[in-house]
Amino acid sequence: DDISPDEDRPAIRSARQTLITAITKRIAQQRLTAAQAAAVLHLTGPRVTQLLQANIDEFTLDELVNLLPALDLILHVVPAPKQDPRSSA
């Protein structure tokens, strides 16, 4: 259902941001160059640049989920109630 990456759905945007953060951290942990990351992830150089710049609007949730196995990452989903900003005192 995540067809257009520029939709204004905060939950999808947040999930994409979380995944990009995990992916870029793993790339850094493995000390991969952009070229190495492109090869491992089967992406073009420009796509890796967009990923490393955390340009979340350029990636769908599906695309990001599909990158995880190449970096030996898994997706673990834990639904949680929305935090009420008034309750953080």
C-alpha atoms as a PDB file:
ATOM      1  CA  ASP A   1       0.000   0.000   0.000  1.00  0.00           C
ATOM      2  CA  ASP A   2       3.077   2.229   0.247  1.00  0.00           C
ATOM      3  CA  ILE A   3       3.178   3.339  -3.373  1.00  0.00           C
ATOM      4  CA  SER A   4       4.053   7.028  -3.209  1.00  0.00           C
ATOM      5  CA  PRO A   5       7.020   7.928  -0.983  1.00  0.00           C
ATOM      6  CA  ASP A   6       5.937  11.563  -0.743  1.00  0.00           C
ATOM      7  CA  GLU A   7       2.617  10.858   0.959  1.00  0.00           C
ATOM      8  CA  ASP A   8       1.936  12.618   4.221  1.00  0.00           C
ATOM      9  CA  ARG A   9       1.517   9.614   6.508  1.00  0.00           C
ATOM     10  CA  PRO A  10       3.514  10.155   9.683  1.00  0.00           C
ATOM     11  CA  ALA A  11       3.636   6.485  10.699  1.00  0.00           C
ATOM     12  CA  ILE A  12       5.065   5.424   7.330  1.00  0.00           C
ATOM     13  CA  ARG A  13       7.508   8.340   7.378  1.00  0.00           C
ATOM     14  CA  SER A  14       8.652   7.408  10.873  1.00  0.00           C
ATOM     15  CA  ALA A  15       9.131   3.771   9.891  1.00  0.00           C
ATOM     16  CA  ARG A  16      11.146   4.772   6.825  1.00  0.00           C
ATOM     17  CA  GLN A  17      13.322   7.060   8.961  1.00  0.00           C
ATOM     18  CA  THR A  18      13.942   4.258  11.460  1.00  0.00           C
ATOM     19  CA  LEU A  19      14.932   1.853   8.699  1.00  0.00           C
ATOM     20  CA  ILE A  20      17.228   4.310   6.954  1.00  0.00           C
ATOM     21  CA  THR A  21      18.931   5.017  10.269  1.00  0.00           C
ATOM     22  CA  ALA A  22      19.460   1.304  10.900  1.00  0.00           C
ATOM     23  CA  ILE A  23      20.739   0.727   7.363  1.00  0.00           C
ATOM     24  CA  THR A  24      23.175   3.647   7.372  1.00  0.00           C
ATOM     25  CA  LYS A  25      24.442   2.691  10.843  1.00  0.00           C
ATOM     26  CA  ARG A  26      25.116  -0.851   9.626  1.00  0.00           C
ATOM     27  CA  ILE A  27      26.932   0.461   6.553  1.00  0.00           C
ATOM     28  CA  ALA A  28      29.112   2.561   8.864  1.00  0.00           C
ATOM     29  CA  GLN A  29      29.656  -0.343  11.300  1.00  0.00           C
ATOM     30  CA  GLN A  30      30.817  -2.550   8.447  1.00  0.00           C
ATOM     31  CA  ARG A  31      32.978   0.321   7.158  1.00  0.00           C
ATOM     32  CA  LEU A  32      31.614  -0.058   3.653  1.00  0.00           C
ATOM     33  CA  THR A  33      32.477   2.503   1.031  1.00  0.00           C
ATOM     34  CA  ALA A  34      29.619   3.840  -1.063  1.00  0.00           C
ATOM     35  CA  ALA A  35      30.715   1.561  -3.906  1.00  0.00           C
ATOM     36  CA  GLN A  36      30.809  -1.463  -1.611  1.00  0.00           C
ATOM     37  CA  ALA A  37      27.393  -0.591  -0.184  1.00  0.00           C
ATOM     38  CA  ALA A  38      26.017  -0.271  -3.713  1.00  0.00           C
ATOM     39  CA  ALA A  39      27.308  -3.741  -4.577  1.00  0.00           C
ATOM     40  CA  VAL A  40      26.011  -5.331  -1.378  1.00  0.00           C
ATOM     41  CA  LEU A  41      22.606  -3.656  -1.641  1.00  0.00           C
ATOM     42  CA  HIS A  42      22.317  -4.011  -5.430  1.00  0.00           C
ATOM     43  CA  LEU A  43      21.748  -0.267  -5.766  1.00  0.00           C
ATOM     44  CA  THR A  44      23.190   2.318  -8.106  1.00  0.00           C
ATOM     45  CA  GLY A  45      25.671   4.877  -6.824  1.00  0.00           C
ATOM     46  CA  PRO A  46      23.092   7.687  -6.835  1.00  0.00           C
ATOM     47  CA  ARG A  47      20.631   5.537  -4.846  1.00  0.00           C
ATOM     48  CA  VAL A  48      23.303   4.806  -2.237  1.00  0.00           C
ATOM     49  CA  THR A  49      24.037   8.533  -2.008  1.00  0.00           C
ATOM     50  CA  GLN A  50      20.340   9.200  -1.384  1.00  0.00           C
ATOM     51  CA  LEU A  51      20.338   6.484   1.263  1.00  0.00           C
ATOM     52  CA  LEU A  52      23.472   7.756   3.010  1.00  0.00           C
ATOM     53  CA  GLN A  53      22.051  11.280   3.002  1.00  0.00           C
ATOM     54  CA  ALA A  54      18.940   9.856   4.708  1.00  0.00           C
ATOM     55  CA  ASN A  55      16.694  11.142   1.960  1.00  0.00           C
ATOM     56  CA  ILE A  56      13.626   9.229   3.157  1.00  0.00           C
ATOM     57  CA  ASP A  57      11.349  10.679   0.506  1.00  0.00           C
ATOM     58  CA  GLU A  58      13.272   8.753  -2.157  1.00  0.00           C
ATOM     59  CA  PHE A  59      12.544   5.305  -0.700  1.00  0.00           C
ATOM     60  CA  THR A  60       9.367   3.375  -0.088  1.00  0.00           C
ATOM     61  CA  LEU A  61       8.931   1.322   3.032  1.00  0.00           C
ATOM     62  CA  ASP A  62       9.049  -1.836   0.907  1.00  0.00           C
ATOM     63  CA  GLU A  63      12.346  -0.834  -0.692  1.00  0.00           C
ATOM     64  CA  LEU A  64      13.951  -0.252   2.680  1.00  0.00           C
ATOM     65  CA  VAL A  65      12.640  -3.491   4.184  1.00  0.00           C
ATOM     66  CA  ASN A  66      14.042  -5.367   1.191  1.00  0.00           C
ATOM     67  CA  LEU A  67      17.534  -3.920   1.837  1.00  0.00           C
ATOM     68  CA  LEU A  68      17.752  -5.331   5.362  1.00  0.00           C
ATOM     69  CA  PRO A  69      18.782  -8.940   4.592  1.00  0.00           C
ATOM     70  CA  ALA A  70      21.766  -7.799   2.513  1.00  0.00           C
ATOM     71  CA  LEU A  71      23.165  -6.205   5.669  1.00  0.00           C
ATOM     72  CA  ASP A  72      22.171  -9.094   7.965  1.00  0.00           C
ATOM     73  CA  LEU A  73      19.488  -6.986   9.601  1.00  0.00           C
ATOM     74  CA  ILE A  74      16.018  -8.174  10.561  1.00  0.00           C
ATOM     75  CA  LEU A  75      12.861  -6.215  11.142  1.00  0.00           C
ATOM     76  CA  HIS A  76      11.328  -6.677  14.569  1.00  0.00           C
ATOM     77  CA  VAL A  77       7.990  -4.892  14.957  1.00  0.00           C
ATOM     78  CA  VAL A  78       6.630  -4.060  18.387  1.00  0.00           C
ATOM     79  CA  PRO A  79       3.367  -2.126  18.297  1.00  0.00           C
ATOM     80  CA  ALA A  80       3.155   0.377  21.137  1.00  0.00           C
ATOM     81  CA  PRO A  81       0.577   2.915  22.203  1.00  0.00           C
ATOM     82  CA  LYS A  82       1.153   6.461  21.068  1.00  0.00           C
ATOM     83  CA  GLN A  83       3.026   8.516  23.651  1.00  0.00           C
ATOM     84  CA  ASP A  84       1.045  11.392  25.132  1.00  0.00           C
ATOM     85  CA  PRO A  85       3.439  14.380  25.256  1.00  0.00           C
ATOM     86  CA  ARG A  86       1.597  15.681  28.326  1.00  0.00           C
ATOM     87  CA  SER A  87       2.463  12.564  30.328  1.00  0.00           C
ATOM     88  CA  SER A  88       6.257  13.033  30.100  1.00  0.00           C
ATOM     89  CA  ALA A  89       6.849  14.976  33.257  1.00  0.00           C
END
